[in-house]
C-alpha atoms as a PDB file:
ATOM      1  CA  MET A   1      91.647 125.202 112.244  1.00  0.00           C
ATOM      2  CA  ARG A   2      93.488 125.520 108.940  1.00  0.00           C
ATOM      3  CA  PRO A   3      91.875 124.139 105.781  1.00  0.00           C
ATOM      4  CA  HIS A   4      93.078 120.817 104.438  1.00  0.00           C
ATOM      5  CA  ARG A   5      95.209 121.554 101.368  1.00  0.00           C
ATOM      6  CA  VAL A   6      94.633 119.403  98.273  1.00  0.00           C
ATOM      7  CA  VAL A   7      97.028 119.752  95.330  1.00  0.00           C
ATOM      8  CA  MET A   8      96.419 118.152  91.942  1.00  0.00           C
ATOM      9  CA  ALA A   9      99.438 117.481  89.731  1.00  0.00           C
ATOM     10  CA  VAL A  10      98.801 117.642  85.985  1.00  0.00           C
ATOM     11  CA  THR A  11     100.943 116.931  82.928  1.00  0.00           C
ATOM     12  CA  ASP A  12     100.439 117.122  79.181  1.00  0.00           C
ATOM     13  CA  ASP A  13      97.421 115.388  77.625  1.00  0.00           C
ATOM     14  CA  MET A  14      95.797 114.192  80.822  1.00  0.00           C
ATOM     15  CA  PRO A  15      92.051 113.764  80.098  1.00  0.00           C
ATOM     16  CA  ILE A  16      89.990 116.703  81.269  1.00  0.00           C
ATOM     17  CA  PHE A  17      87.186 114.748  82.964  1.00  0.00           C
ATOM     18  CA  GLU A  18      89.456 113.020  85.471  1.00  0.00           C
ATOM     19  CA  ALA A  19      91.134 116.372  86.183  1.00  0.00           C
ATOM     20  CA  ALA A  20      87.793 118.165  86.523  1.00  0.00           C
ATOM     21  CA  VAL A  21      86.362 115.851  89.184  1.00  0.00           C
ATOM     22  CA  PRO A  22      88.737 116.918  92.011  1.00  0.00           C
ATOM     23  CA  CYS A  23      88.248 120.543  90.957  1.00  0.00           C
ATOM     24  CA  GLN A  24      84.496 120.207  91.468  1.00  0.00           C
ATOM     25  CA  VAL A  25      84.701 118.290  94.740  1.00  0.00           C
ATOM     26  CA  PHE A  26      87.598 120.073  96.466  1.00  0.00           C
ATOM     27  CA  GLY A  27      87.995 123.310  94.494  1.00  0.00           C
ATOM     28  CA  VAL A  28      84.533 124.835  94.976  1.00  0.00           C
ATOM     29  CA  ASP A  29      84.329 126.532  98.363  1.00  0.00           C
ATOM     30  CA  ARG A  30      81.419 125.115 100.353  1.00  0.00           C
ATOM     31  CA  PRO A  31      81.283 126.859 103.760  1.00  0.00           C
ATOM     32  CA  HIS A  32      77.594 125.922 104.013  1.00  0.00           C
ATOM     33  CA  LEU A  33      78.720 122.279 104.304  1.00  0.00           C
ATOM     34  CA  ALA A  34      81.953 122.644 106.263  1.00  0.00           C
ATOM     35  CA  ASP A  35      83.958 125.656 107.323  1.00  0.00           C
ATOM     36  CA  PRO A  36      86.756 125.672 106.506  1.00  0.00           C
ATOM     37  CA  TRP A  37      86.378 123.681 103.281  1.00  0.00           C
ATOM     38  CA  TYR A  38      89.459 122.570 101.327  1.00  0.00           C
ATOM     39  CA  ARG A  39      92.217 124.770  99.979  1.00  0.00           C
ATOM     40  CA  PHE A  40      92.660 123.437  96.457  1.00  0.00           C
ATOM     41  CA  SER A  41      95.177 124.138  93.717  1.00  0.00           C
ATOM     42  CA  VAL A  42      96.125 122.684  90.343  1.00  0.00           C
ATOM     43  CA  VAL A  43      99.874 122.654  89.759  1.00  0.00           C
ATOM     44  CA  PRO A  44     101.246 121.802  86.308  1.00  0.00           C
ATOM     45  CA  VAL A  45     104.402 119.703  86.384  1.00  0.00           C
ATOM     46  CA  GLY A  46     107.283 121.283  84.493  1.00  0.00           C
ATOM     47  CA  ASP A  47     108.230 124.736  83.269  1.00  0.00           C
ATOM     48  CA  ALA A  48     106.126 124.833  80.081  1.00  0.00           C
ATOM     49  CA  PRO A  49     102.352 125.278  79.705  1.00  0.00           C
ATOM     50  CA  VAL A  50     100.460 122.015  80.197  1.00  0.00           C
ATOM     51  CA  ARG A  51      97.809 120.912  77.703  1.00  0.00           C
ATOM     52  CA  LEU A  52      94.840 118.904  78.973  1.00  0.00           C
ATOM     53  CA  SER A  53      92.903 116.844  76.457  1.00  0.00           C
ATOM     54  CA  PRO A  54      90.964 118.105  74.659  1.00  0.00           C
ATOM     55  CA  GLY A  55      91.784 121.761  74.167  1.00  0.00           C
ATOM     56  CA  PHE A  56      92.711 123.156  77.605  1.00  0.00           C
ATOM     57  CA  THR A  57      95.994 124.817  78.548  1.00  0.00           C
ATOM     58  CA  LEU A  58      97.371 125.611  82.009  1.00  0.00           C
ATOM     59  CA  ALA A  59     100.230 128.032  82.563  1.00  0.00           C
ATOM     60  CA  PRO A  60     103.124 126.977  84.824  1.00  0.00           C
ATOM     61  CA  ASP A  61     102.571 127.715  88.485  1.00  0.00           C
ATOM     62  CA  PRO A  62     104.898 130.602  89.463  1.00  0.00           C
ATOM     63  CA  GLY A  63     105.091 129.251  93.000  1.00  0.00           C
ATOM     64  CA  GLY A  64     106.178 125.789  91.895  1.00  0.00           C
ATOM     65  CA  TRP A  65     105.757 122.841  94.196  1.00  0.00           C
ATOM     66  CA  ASP A  66     105.284 123.339  97.915  1.00  0.00           C
ATOM     67  CA  LEU A  67     104.829 119.898  99.431  1.00  0.00           C
ATOM     68  CA  ASP A  68     105.497 121.306 102.898  1.00  0.00           C
ATOM     69  CA  SER A  69     101.912 122.588 103.115  1.00  0.00           C
ATOM     70  CA  THR A  70     100.239 119.820 101.079  1.00  0.00           C
ATOM     71  CA  ASP A  71      97.957 117.367 102.879  1.00  0.00           C
ATOM     72  CA  THR A  72      96.627 115.416  99.884  1.00  0.00           C
ATOM     73  CA  LEU A  73      98.162 114.959  96.437  1.00  0.00           C
ATOM     74  CA  VAL A  74      95.852 114.019  93.558  1.00  0.00           C
ATOM     75  CA  VAL A  75      97.110 112.367  90.368  1.00  0.00           C
ATOM     76  CA  PRO A  76      94.514 112.135  87.587  1.00  0.00           C
ATOM     77  CA  ALA A  77      94.634 109.700  84.691  1.00  0.00           C
ATOM     78  CA  CYS A  78      97.617 109.069  82.400  1.00  0.00           C
ATOM     79  CA  GLU A  79      97.635 109.955  78.737  1.00  0.00           C
ATOM     80  CA  ASN A  80      98.711 106.433  77.753  1.00  0.00           C
ATOM     81  CA  VAL A  81      99.135 103.528  80.159  1.00  0.00           C
ATOM     82  CA  HIS A  82     101.606 101.843  77.794  1.00  0.00           C
ATOM     83  CA  ASP A  83     104.119 104.691  78.042  1.00  0.00           C
ATOM     84  CA  ASP A  84     106.281 105.510  81.029  1.00  0.00           C
ATOM     85  CA  PRO A  85     104.755 108.390  83.019  1.00  0.00           C
ATOM     86  CA  PRO A  86     106.681 111.680  83.106  1.00  0.00           C
ATOM     87  CA  ALA A  87     109.731 111.298  85.328  1.00  0.00           C
ATOM     88  CA  GLU A  88     109.151 114.639  87.039  1.00  0.00           C
ATOM     89  CA  LEU A  89     105.625 113.628  88.019  1.00  0.00           C
ATOM     90  CA  VAL A  90     106.899 110.300  89.361  1.00  0.00           C
ATOM     91  CA  ASP A  91     109.476 112.197  91.440  1.00  0.00           C
ATOM     92  CA  VAL A  92     106.755 114.442  92.904  1.00  0.00           C
ATOM     93  CA  VAL A  93     104.663 111.405  93.890  1.00  0.00           C
ATOM     94  CA  ARG A  94     107.664 109.619  95.392  1.00  0.00           C
ATOM     95  CA  GLU A  95     108.607 112.667  97.481  1.00  0.00           C
ATOM     96  CA  ALA A  96     105.017 113.183  98.620  1.00  0.00           C
ATOM     97  CA  TYR A  97     104.864 109.579  99.756  1.00  0.00           C
ATOM     98  CA  ARG A  98     108.172 109.934 101.595  1.00  0.00           C
ATOM     99  CA  ARG A  99     106.719 112.890 103.493  1.00  0.00           C
ATOM    100  CA  GLY A 100     103.608 110.937 104.504  1.00  0.00           C
ATOM    101  CA  ILE A 101     101.232 112.991 102.339  1.00  0.00           C
ATOM    102  CA  ARG A 102      97.947 111.297 101.468  1.00  0.00           C
ATOM    103  CA  ILE A 103      97.868 110.371  97.769  1.00  0.00           C
ATOM    104  CA  LEU A 104      94.842 109.798  95.535  1.00  0.00           C
ATOM    105  CA  SER A 105      95.000 108.503  91.969  1.00  0.00           C
ATOM    106  CA  ILE A 106      92.091 108.505  89.551  1.00  0.00           C
ATOM    107  CA  CYS A 107      91.671 105.817  86.889  1.00  0.00           C
ATOM    108  CA  SER A 108      95.020 105.142  85.186  1.00  0.00           C
ATOM    109  CA  GLY A 109      96.773 107.549  87.545  1.00  0.00           C
ATOM    110  CA  ALA A 110      97.572 104.358  89.457  1.00  0.00           C
ATOM    111  CA  PHE A 111     100.315 103.714  86.889  1.00  0.00           C
ATOM    112  CA  VAL A 112     102.105 106.852  88.118  1.00  0.00           C
ATOM    113  CA  LEU A 113     101.876 105.714  91.728  1.00  0.00           C
ATOM    114  CA  ALA A 114     103.114 102.261  90.745  1.00  0.00           C
ATOM    115  CA  ALA A 115     106.068 103.746  88.827  1.00  0.00           C
ATOM    116  CA  ALA A 116     106.984 105.703  91.975  1.00  0.00           C
ATOM    117  CA  GLY A 117     106.960 102.496  94.035  1.00  0.00           C
ATOM    118  CA  VAL A 118     104.083 103.759  96.156  1.00  0.00           C
ATOM    119  CA  LEU A 119     101.896 100.736  95.419  1.00  0.00           C
ATOM    120  CA  ASP A 120     104.472  98.014  96.049  1.00  0.00           C
ATOM    121  CA  GLY A 121     102.887  95.426  98.322  1.00  0.00           C
ATOM    122  CA  ARG A 122      99.626  97.346  98.397  1.00  0.00           C
ATOM    123  CA  ARG A 123      96.151  96.472  97.182  1.00  0.00           C
ATOM    124  CA  ALA A 124      95.152  98.926  94.447  1.00  0.00           C
ATOM    125  CA  THR A 125      92.749  99.351  91.570  1.00  0.00           C
ATOM    126  CA  THR A 126      92.475 101.075  88.214  1.00  0.00           C
ATOM    127  CA  HIS A 127      90.118 100.972  85.247  1.00  0.00           C
ATOM    128  CA  TRP A 128      89.227  97.322  84.632  1.00  0.00           C
ATOM    129  CA  LEU A 129      90.426  97.678  81.033  1.00  0.00           C
ATOM    130  CA  HIS A 130      93.950  98.426  82.294  1.00  0.00           C
ATOM    131  CA  ALA A 131      94.099  96.083  85.301  1.00  0.00           C
ATOM    132  CA  ASP A 132      95.991  93.313  83.502  1.00  0.00           C
ATOM    133  CA  GLU A 133      98.528  95.815  82.154  1.00  0.00           C
ATOM    134  CA  LEU A 134      99.092  97.259  85.636  1.00  0.00           C
ATOM    135  CA  SER A 135      99.655  93.753  87.010  1.00  0.00           C
ATOM    136  CA  ARG A 136     101.994  92.845  84.169  1.00  0.00           C
ATOM    137  CA  ARG A 137     104.162  95.945  84.470  1.00  0.00           C
ATOM    138  CA  HIS A 138     104.148  96.145  88.264  1.00  0.00           C
ATOM    139  CA  SER A 139     104.011  92.645  89.694  1.00  0.00           C
ATOM    140  CA  ALA A 140     104.500  93.884  93.272  1.00  0.00           C
ATOM    141  CA  VAL A 141     101.094  95.601  93.180  1.00  0.00           C
ATOM    142  CA  ARG A 142      98.083  93.568  94.338  1.00  0.00           C
ATOM    143  CA  VAL A 143      95.627  94.745  91.672  1.00  0.00           C
ATOM    144  CA  ASP A 144      91.913  94.354  92.397  1.00  0.00           C
ATOM    145  CA  PRO A 145      89.907  95.158  89.240  1.00  0.00           C
ATOM    146  CA  SER A 146      86.549  94.478  90.902  1.00  0.00           C
ATOM    147  CA  VAL A 147      86.206  97.548  93.139  1.00  0.00           C
ATOM    148  CA  LEU A 148      85.435 101.231  92.563  1.00  0.00           C
ATOM    149  CA  TYR A 149      88.249 102.438  94.833  1.00  0.00           C
ATOM    150  CA  VAL A 150      90.743 101.089  97.343  1.00  0.00           C
ATOM    151  CA  GLU A 151      92.114 102.759 100.457  1.00  0.00           C
ATOM    152  CA  ASP A 152      95.358 101.258 101.741  1.00  0.00           C
ATOM    153  CA  ALA A 153      96.685 103.373 104.608  1.00  0.00           C
ATOM    154  CA  ASN A 154      97.150 106.886 103.155  1.00  0.00           C
ATOM    155  CA  VAL A 155      97.066 105.773  99.499  1.00  0.00           C
ATOM    156  CA  ILE A 156      93.771 105.716  97.596  1.00  0.00           C
ATOM    157  CA  THR A 157      93.388 104.415  94.052  1.00  0.00           C
ATOM    158  CA  SER A 158      90.163 104.555  92.056  1.00  0.00           C
ATOM    159  CA  ALA A 159      88.727 102.791  89.052  1.00  0.00           C
ATOM    160  CA  GLY A 160      87.855 104.332  85.714  1.00  0.00           C
ATOM    161  CA  THR A 161      86.688 107.892  85.166  1.00  0.00           C
ATOM    162  CA  VAL A 162      83.438 108.329  87.137  1.00  0.00           C
ATOM    163  CA  ALA A 163      84.809 106.191  89.987  1.00  0.00           C
ATOM    164  CA  GLY A 164      87.003 109.213  90.700  1.00  0.00           C
ATOM    165  CA  ILE A 165      83.858 110.868  92.080  1.00  0.00           C
ATOM    166  CA  ASP A 166      83.379 107.927  94.447  1.00  0.00           C
ATOM    167  CA  ALA A 167      86.978 108.187  95.649  1.00  0.00           C
ATOM    168  CA  CYS A 168      86.815 111.962  96.129  1.00  0.00           C
ATOM    169  CA  LEU A 169      83.587 111.653  98.100  1.00  0.00           C
ATOM    170  CA  HIS A 170      85.305 108.999 100.197  1.00  0.00           C
ATOM    171  CA  LEU A 171      87.978 111.543 101.138  1.00  0.00           C
ATOM    172  CA  VAL A 172      85.281 114.083 102.038  1.00  0.00           C
ATOM    173  CA  ARG A 173      83.666 111.381 104.180  1.00  0.00           C
ATOM    174  CA  ILE A 174      86.978 110.818 105.976  1.00  0.00           C
ATOM    175  CA  ASP A 175      87.699 114.528 106.464  1.00  0.00           C
ATOM    176  CA  HIS A 176      84.224 115.924 107.167  1.00  0.00           C
ATOM    177  CA  GLY A 177      81.974 112.954 107.920  1.00  0.00           C
ATOM    178  CA  ALA A 178      79.310 110.867 106.226  1.00  0.00           C
ATOM    179  CA  ALA A 179      76.599 113.527 106.522  1.00  0.00           C
ATOM    180  CA  VAL A 180      78.653 116.196 104.745  1.00  0.00           C
ATOM    181  CA  ALA A 181      79.667 113.724 102.022  1.00  0.00           C
ATOM    182  CA  ALA A 182      76.041 112.695 101.551  1.00  0.00           C
ATOM    183  CA  GLU A 183      74.883 116.304 101.250  1.00  0.00           C
ATOM    184  CA  LEU A 184      77.651 117.108  98.769  1.00  0.00           C
ATOM    185  CA  ALA A 185      76.684 114.046  96.725  1.00  0.00           C
ATOM    186  CA  ARG A 186      73.069 115.214  96.729  1.00  0.00           C
ATOM    187  CA  ARG A 187      74.110 118.602  95.374  1.00  0.00           C
ATOM    188  CA  LEU A 188      76.271 116.908  92.736  1.00  0.00           C
ATOM    189  CA  VAL A 189      73.302 114.663  91.879  1.00  0.00           C
ATOM    190  CA  THR A 190      75.276 111.474  92.489  1.00  0.00           C
ATOM    191  CA  PRO A 191      74.929 108.666  95.051  1.00  0.00           C
ATOM    192  CA  PRO A 192      76.856 109.340  98.275  1.00  0.00           C
ATOM    193  CA  HIS A 193      78.231 105.816  98.116  1.00  0.00           C
ATOM    194  CA  ARG A 194      77.765 103.581  95.076  1.00  0.00           C
ATOM    195  CA  ASP A 195      77.465  99.982  96.131  1.00  0.00           C
ATOM    196  CA  GLY A 196      79.039  97.184  94.168  1.00  0.00           C
ATOM    197  CA  GLY A 197      82.164  97.313  92.060  1.00  0.00           C
ATOM    198  CA  GLN A 198      83.444  97.523  88.525  1.00  0.00           C
ATOM    199  CA  VAL A 199      82.115  94.069  87.697  1.00  0.00           C
ATOM    200  CA  GLN A 200      78.688  95.577  87.052  1.00  0.00           C
ATOM    201  CA  TYR A 201      80.198  97.649  84.210  1.00  0.00           C
ATOM    202  CA  HIS A 202      82.077  94.873  82.422  1.00  0.00           C
ATOM    203  CA  ARG A 203      80.595  93.953  79.082  1.00  0.00           C
ATOM    204  CA  PRO A 204      79.027  90.479  79.467  1.00  0.00           C
ATOM    205  CA  ALA A 205      79.993  87.655  77.122  1.00  0.00           C
ATOM    206  CA  SER A 206      76.389  87.448  75.950  1.00  0.00           C
ATOM    207  CA  PRO A 207      73.516  89.922  76.291  1.00  0.00           C
ATOM    208  CA  VAL A 208      71.791  89.849  79.672  1.00  0.00           C
ATOM    209  CA  VAL A 209      68.217  91.006  79.860  1.00  0.00           C
ATOM    210  CA  ARG A 210      67.409  92.773  83.110  1.00  0.00           C
ATOM    211  CA  ASP A 211      64.526  94.911  84.195  1.00  0.00           C
ATOM    212  CA  ASP A 212      64.986  97.939  86.398  1.00  0.00           C
ATOM    213  CA  TRP A 213      63.456  96.684  89.640  1.00  0.00           C
ATOM    214  CA  LEU A 214      66.697  96.795  91.638  1.00  0.00           C
ATOM    215  CA  PRO A 215      67.240 100.609  91.733  1.00  0.00           C
ATOM    216  CA  ALA A 216      63.637 101.137  92.824  1.00  0.00           C
ATOM    217  CA  LEU A 217      64.024  98.441  95.482  1.00  0.00           C
ATOM    218  CA  LEU A 218      67.223 100.006  96.840  1.00  0.00           C
ATOM    219  CA  ASP A 219      65.523 103.405  97.066  1.00  0.00           C
ATOM    220  CA  TRP A 220      62.544 101.894  98.881  1.00  0.00           C
ATOM    221  CA  ALA A 221      64.715  99.934 101.300  1.00  0.00           C
ATOM    222  CA  GLY A 222      66.798 103.036 102.032  1.00  0.00           C
ATOM    223  CA  GLU A 223      63.626 104.857 103.048  1.00  0.00           C
ATOM    224  CA  HIS A 224      62.458 101.994 105.274  1.00  0.00           C
ATOM    225  CA  LEU A 225      65.608 101.061 107.187  1.00  0.00           C
ATOM    226  CA  HIS A 226      63.692 101.407 110.455  1.00  0.00           C
ATOM    227  CA  LEU A 227      61.680  98.285 109.563  1.00  0.00           C
ATOM    228  CA  PRO A 228      62.960  94.748 110.341  1.00  0.00           C
ATOM    229  CA  LEU A 229      63.451  93.966 106.661  1.00  0.00           C
ATOM    230  CA  SER A 230      64.283  90.456 105.503  1.00  0.00           C
ATOM    231  CA  THR A 231      65.307  89.133 102.108  1.00  0.00           C
ATOM    232  CA  ALA A 232      61.762  87.816 101.778  1.00  0.00           C
ATOM    233  CA  ASP A 233      60.418  91.342 102.394  1.00  0.00           C
ATOM    234  CA  LEU A 234      62.647  92.696  99.614  1.00  0.00           C
ATOM    235  CA  ALA A 235      61.549  89.934  97.259  1.00  0.00           C
ATOM    236  CA  ALA A 236      57.889  90.608  97.983  1.00  0.00           C
ATOM    237  CA  ARG A 237      58.374  94.341  97.407  1.00  0.00           C
ATOM    238  CA  ALA A 238      60.055  93.694  94.021  1.00  0.00           C
ATOM    239  CA  ASN A 239      57.588  90.917  93.161  1.00  0.00           C
ATOM    240  CA  VAL A 240      60.394  88.465  92.454  1.00  0.00           C
ATOM    241  CA  SER A 241      61.665  85.337  94.205  1.00  0.00           C
ATOM    242  CA  VAL A 242      64.048  85.352  97.165  1.00  0.00           C
ATOM    243  CA  ARG A 243      66.570  83.495  95.030  1.00  0.00           C
ATOM    244  CA  THR A 244      66.330  86.186  92.334  1.00  0.00           C
ATOM    245  CA  VAL A 245      66.955  88.942  94.893  1.00  0.00           C
ATOM    246  CA  GLU A 246      69.978  87.130  96.304  1.00  0.00           C
ATOM    247  CA  ARG A 247      71.402  86.465  92.848  1.00  0.00           C
ATOM    248  CA  ARG A 248      70.873  90.052  91.670  1.00  0.00           C
ATOM    249  CA  PHE A 249      72.422  91.579  94.806  1.00  0.00           C
ATOM    250  CA  GLY A 250      75.430  89.304  94.471  1.00  0.00           C
ATOM    251  CA  ALA A 251      75.946  90.001  90.765  1.00  0.00           C
ATOM    252  CA  THR A 252      75.366  93.771  90.914  1.00  0.00           C
ATOM    253  CA  LEU A 253      76.383  94.828  94.413  1.00  0.00           C
ATOM    254  CA  GLY A 254      78.795  92.055  95.297  1.00  0.00           C
ATOM    255  CA  MET A 255      77.115  91.209  98.606  1.00  0.00           C
ATOM    256  CA  PRO A 256      74.000  89.507 100.044  1.00  0.00           C
ATOM    257  CA  PRO A 257      70.875  91.631 100.647  1.00  0.00           C
ATOM    258  CA  LEU A 258      71.156  91.574 104.436  1.00  0.00           C
ATOM    259  CA  ARG A 259      74.776  92.695 104.290  1.00  0.00           C
ATOM    260  CA  TRP A 260      73.752  95.623 102.093  1.00  0.00           C
ATOM    261  CA  LEU A 261      70.987  96.548 104.546  1.00  0.00           C
ATOM    262  CA  LEU A 262      73.470  96.464 107.424  1.00  0.00           C
ATOM    263  CA  GLN A 263      75.849  98.809 105.573  1.00  0.00           C
ATOM    264  CA  GLN A 264      73.036 101.276 104.912  1.00  0.00           C
ATOM    265  CA  ARG A 265      71.975 101.205 108.556  1.00  0.00           C
ATOM    266  CA  VAL A 266      75.502 101.847 109.788  1.00  0.00           C
ATOM    267  CA  ARG A 267      75.913 104.767 107.358  1.00  0.00           C
ATOM    268  CA  ARG A 268      72.591 106.231 108.480  1.00  0.00           C
ATOM    269  CA  ALA A 269      73.693 105.897 112.093  1.00  0.00           C
ATOM    270  CA  GLN A 270      76.936 107.732 111.261  1.00  0.00           C
ATOM    271  CA  GLN A 271      74.954 110.653 109.890  1.00  0.00           C
ATOM    272  CA  PHE A 272      72.803 110.903 113.029  1.00  0.00           C
ATOM    273  CA  LEU A 273      75.888 110.700 115.248  1.00  0.00           C
ATOM    274  CA  GLU A 274      77.544 113.505 113.285  1.00  0.00           C
ATOM    275  CA  THR A 275      74.587 115.871 113.030  1.00  0.00           C
ATOM    276  CA  SER A 276      72.473 115.322 116.157  1.00  0.00           C
ATOM    277  CA  ASP A 277      72.692 114.695 119.869  1.00  0.00           C
ATOM    278  CA  ARG A 278      70.048 111.972 119.750  1.00  0.00           C
ATOM    279  CA  PRO A 279      70.588 109.134 122.238  1.00  0.00           C
ATOM    280  CA  ILE A 280      72.114 105.874 121.006  1.00  0.00           C
ATOM    281  CA  GLY A 281      68.873 103.972 121.660  1.00  0.00           C
ATOM    282  CA  TRP A 282      66.862 106.367 119.459  1.00  0.00           C
ATOM    283  CA  ILE A 283      69.421 106.081 116.652  1.00  0.00           C
ATOM    284  CA  ALA A 284      69.383 102.285 116.950  1.00  0.00           C
ATOM    285  CA  ASP A 285      65.594 102.142 116.610  1.00  0.00           C
ATOM    286  CA  THR A 286      65.438 104.719 113.812  1.00  0.00           C
ATOM    287  CA  CYS A 287      68.101 102.915 111.789  1.00  0.00           C
ATOM    288  CA  GLY A 288      66.528  99.481 112.231  1.00  0.00           C
ATOM    289  CA  PHE A 289      69.000  97.840 114.604  1.00  0.00           C
ATOM    290  CA  GLY A 290      66.312  96.865 117.083  1.00  0.00           C
ATOM    291  CA  GLY A 291      68.306  98.002 120.096  1.00  0.00           C
ATOM    292  CA  ALA A 292      71.402  99.834 121.283  1.00  0.00           C
ATOM    293  CA  ALA A 293      73.399  96.639 121.854  1.00  0.00           C
ATOM    294  CA  SER A 294      72.920  95.554 118.250  1.00  0.00           C
ATOM    295  CA  LEU A 295      73.922  99.006 116.978  1.00  0.00           C
ATOM    296  CA  ARG A 296      77.065  99.027 119.115  1.00  0.00           C
ATOM    297  CA  ALA A 297      78.122  95.565 117.974  1.00  0.00           C
ATOM    298  CA  HIS A 298      77.588  96.121 114.249  1.00  0.00           C
ATOM    299  CA  PHE A 299      78.926  99.679 114.317  1.00  0.00           C
ATOM    300  CA  ALA A 300      82.154  98.626 116.023  1.00  0.00           C
ATOM    301  CA  GLN A 301      82.565  95.763 113.555  1.00  0.00           C
ATOM    302  CA  MET A 302      82.189  97.978 110.478  1.00  0.00           C
ATOM    303  CA  VAL A 303      83.625 101.315 111.651  1.00  0.00           C
ATOM    304  CA  GLY A 304      86.175 100.100 114.165  1.00  0.00           C
ATOM    305  CA  VAL A 305      85.007 102.141 117.164  1.00  0.00           C
ATOM    306  CA  SER A 306      81.853 102.418 119.261  1.00  0.00           C
ATOM    307  CA  PRO A 307      79.113 104.914 118.303  1.00  0.00           C
ATOM    308  CA  THR A 308      79.942 107.054 121.341  1.00  0.00           C
ATOM    309  CA  VAL A 309      83.643 107.223 120.509  1.00  0.00           C
ATOM    310  CA  TYR A 310      82.820 107.926 116.850  1.00  0.00           C
ATOM    311  CA  ARG A 311      80.567 110.846 117.803  1.00  0.00           C
ATOM    312  CA  ARG A 312      83.114 112.353 120.190  1.00  0.00           C
ATOM    313  CA  THR A 313      86.144 112.000 117.923  1.00  0.00           C
ATOM    314  CA  PHE A 314      84.201 113.233 114.896  1.00  0.00           C
ATOM    315  CA  HIS A 315      83.310 116.502 116.591  1.00  0.00           C
ATOM    316  CA  GLU A 316      86.790 116.895 118.058  1.00  0.00           C
ATOM    317  CA  ARG A 317      88.337 116.387 114.604  1.00  0.00           C
ATOM    318  CA  THR A 318      85.973 118.452 112.477  1.00  0.00           C
ATOM    319  CA  GLY A 319      85.252 121.264 114.899  1.00  0.00           C
ATOM    320  CA  ALA A 320      83.211 123.806 112.903  1.00  0.00           C
ATOM    321  CA  THR A 321      81.625 121.305 110.509  1.00  0.00           C
ATOM    322  CA  ARG A 322      77.958 121.989 109.937  1.00  0.00           C
ATOM    323  CA  ILE A 323      75.328 121.230 107.331  1.00  0.00           C
ATOM    324  CA  ALA A 324      72.838 123.695 105.922  1.00  0.00           C
ATOM    325  CA  SER A 325      69.241 122.653 106.145  1.00  0.00           C
END
């Protein structure tokens, strides 16, 4: 099985952080997680050296562009969202899209995809600070400023800066499974899947005083998914009212507590299906579904296939994927 090839296109004055994230996720060989891992390359656009901000320079790639062997194209953030992106970069994105190559943009990189027409009619996101500008300049794009990333067919757009990590881990989850993505996130010291959206990072109109009981509650609940937890159980654990728990989950995570619990249980079930041959009934009990029928129903609703089909197709698709203990 050949490695999935990820190519990142860079131009002058792109910010280094957004460019560094794909390098760390895709560019570091990790055979202990999946073998083969990705084949990653950074290709400057144009014939002159490319300067990344601040203070980094990349020489032109002597091989130039080879979209024939590219599986995923990554476009990091723009230098300035108010300027037109480089025409040559727009052409590369447009050609990649024409060929059916998967495309990922980070932060304001969505402006490049929009300029190439890739986002017309699609739901997409970018940094919440730039969402209105993206909507104004590209009215055909359905901009959602509330989410950390959006996947629409083979086009993925992510929100500002650190949300690029979330989007890259999402691609790892697609290519190598939830267990591999979770282990990579653990090694990067980041959550495997941040819940909620950009709304939790908007500056409020007036100061909001909040304690830190929610992170501790989420950690506790994640360790006790096998229990039949209710919203009342969560409230009792946090020593707050049920109404406070519901309000805090809605404001911070964008969903009710029981919906969040269901998502965590499905993700835990995915990891067991990928990394073990445990029976469906055991996985259902361990993940807190209360029975195989409940697991099958909720899993199919959220993932789109049954647990059995997911397990079989995952191993057929990933082949040599394994996780170090």
